Protein backbone atom coordinates (compact mmCIF):
# COMPACT_ATOMS: atom_id res chain seq x y z
CA MET A 1 12.44 -19.16 1.94
CA MET A 2 9.13 -20.14 3.38
CA LEU A 3 7.64 -18.26 6.18
CA THR A 4 6.32 -19.84 9.35
CA PRO A 5 2.64 -19.34 10.04
CA PHE A 6 3.31 -16.82 12.58
CA ALA A 7 5.62 -14.93 10.07
CA PHE A 8 3.05 -15.08 7.47
CA VAL A 9 0.32 -13.54 9.44
CA VAL A 10 2.85 -10.67 10.72
CA VAL A 11 3.91 -9.74 7.30
CA ALA A 12 0.39 -10.09 5.84
CA LEU A 13 -0.62 -7.74 8.50
CA ALA A 14 2.21 -5.35 8.09
CA GLY A 15 1.46 -5.28 4.33
CA TYR A 16 -2.23 -4.33 5.02
CA ARG A 17 -1.56 -1.50 7.24
CA LEU A 18 1.40 -0.13 5.22
CA THR A 19 -0.88 -0.28 2.07
CA ARG A 20 -3.71 1.47 4.10
CA LEU A 21 -1.17 4.14 5.01
CA VAL A 22 0.31 4.61 1.61
CA VAL A 23 -3.14 4.41 -0.24
CA PHE A 24 -5.90 5.60 1.71
CA ASP A 25 -4.62 7.47 4.79
CA SER A 26 -4.30 11.29 4.69
CA LEU A 27 -0.36 11.32 5.17
CA PHE A 28 0.23 10.24 1.79
CA GLY A 29 -3.26 9.36 0.19
CA PHE A 30 -2.31 8.02 -3.19
CA ASN A 31 -5.85 7.03 -3.51
CA ALA A 32 -7.79 9.64 -5.90
CA GLU A 33 -10.64 9.68 -3.43
CA SER A 34 -8.30 10.84 -0.49
CA GLY A 35 -8.04 14.26 -2.40
CA SER A 36 -4.44 14.65 -1.16
CA SER A 37 -1.81 16.69 -3.07
CA MET A 38 0.36 13.46 -3.42
CA SER A 39 -2.81 11.68 -5.23
CA ARG A 40 -3.09 14.60 -7.54
CA ARG A 41 0.56 14.40 -8.34
CA LEU A 42 0.58 10.49 -9.12
CA ASP A 43 -2.91 10.96 -11.18
CA VAL A 44 -0.98 12.64 -14.07
CA TRP A 45 0.64 9.24 -14.69
CA SER A 46 -2.61 7.28 -15.57
CA TRP A 47 -5.58 9.63 -15.58
CA ALA A 48 -6.68 12.59 -17.73
CA ALA A 49 -8.25 15.61 -16.06
CA ASP A 50 -11.86 14.18 -17.15
CA GLY A 51 -11.08 10.94 -15.25
CA SER A 52 -10.56 8.78 -18.29
CA VAL A 53 -7.59 6.76 -18.70
CA ARG A 54 -4.71 8.65 -20.27
CA PRO A 55 -3.34 6.47 -22.89
CA GLY A 56 0.15 7.20 -24.57
CA VAL A 57 1.25 9.83 -21.94
CA GLY A 58 5.12 9.34 -21.78
CA GLY A 59 4.81 6.01 -23.73
CA TRP A 60 3.96 2.46 -23.14
CA PHE A 61 6.44 2.22 -19.92
CA ARG A 62 5.20 5.28 -18.28
CA ASP A 63 1.60 4.14 -18.61
CA LYS A 64 2.47 0.78 -16.98
CA VAL A 65 4.59 2.17 -14.14
CA GLY A 66 1.86 4.78 -13.46
CA ASN A 67 -0.93 2.08 -13.29
CA LEU A 68 1.24 -0.05 -11.05
CA LEU A 69 1.52 3.08 -8.65
CA VAL A 70 -2.08 3.99 -8.35
CA CYS A 71 -3.63 0.66 -8.20
CA SER A 72 -4.19 -0.07 -4.40
CA TYR A 73 -4.00 -3.82 -4.85
CA CYS A 74 -0.70 -3.16 -6.80
CA VAL A 75 0.81 -0.99 -4.08
CA GLY A 76 -0.23 -3.59 -1.59
CA VAL A 77 1.55 -6.33 -3.24
CA TRP A 78 4.85 -4.32 -3.60
CA LEU A 79 4.64 -3.37 -0.11
CA THR A 80 3.88 -6.77 1.30
CA VAL A 81 6.75 -8.28 -0.75
CA GLY A 82 9.01 -5.54 0.74
CA CYS A 83 8.05 -6.51 4.08
CA TRP A 84 8.42 -10.33 3.34
CA ALA A 85 12.11 -9.52 2.07
CA LEU A 86 12.71 -7.49 5.06
CA TRP A 87 11.41 -10.16 7.46
CA VAL A 88 13.57 -12.85 5.55
CA TRP A 89 16.74 -10.91 4.61
CA GLY A 90 16.53 -7.90 6.42
CA PRO A 91 18.34 -6.82 9.87
CA SER A 92 16.71 -7.73 13.21
CA TRP A 93 15.36 -3.95 13.61
CA ALA A 94 13.49 -4.63 10.61
CA ARG A 95 11.40 -7.23 12.20
CA PHE A 96 10.55 -4.74 15.01
CA GLY A 97 9.11 -2.36 12.40
CA ILE A 98 7.29 -5.00 10.51
CA THR A 99 5.80 -6.23 13.96
CA ALA A 100 4.85 -2.98 14.89
CA ALA A 101 3.21 -2.42 11.59
CA ALA A 102 1.33 -5.76 11.97
CA VAL A 103 0.00 -4.51 15.47
CA ALA A 104 -1.19 -1.34 13.88
CA GLY A 105 -2.96 -3.38 11.16
CA VAL A 106 -4.77 -5.32 13.78
CA GLN A 107 -5.65 -2.15 15.41
CA ALA A 108 -7.00 -0.59 12.26
CA LEU A 109 -9.12 -3.90 11.46
CA LEU A 110 -10.36 -3.70 15.09
CA SER A 111 -11.41 0.05 14.44
CA ALA A 112 -13.02 -0.58 11.07
CA ALA A 113 -15.00 -3.49 12.62
CA ASP A 114 -16.01 -0.85 15.43
CA HIS A 115 -17.07 2.05 12.98
CA ARG A 116 -19.22 -0.77 11.14
CA LEU A 117 -20.76 -1.94 14.27
CA GLN A 118 -21.81 1.42 15.23
């Protein structure tokens, strides 16, 4: 199913905000630079203690899944696909949540622009 231009923008902004929340914000902080405990737990999937890529930990499947969980672009794709699926096939309350995340995405972009200008 195709999205209208409005729905596309809403889903894209919601995906952006949810990705920031999951990958970079301190609530979850999957990104290694965030230094959160969740980040350290996920890092064992793909990275050795010295920061090098950790080959063969748990086999090929675990390596690939680990890379898909710690890559910020990959997480963004999965979250945006989830937003799109909920927008198209989900219950009506899901659209409310996605719209709220989109508004938060706009706020995050404005906040980032404000910090850059200062």
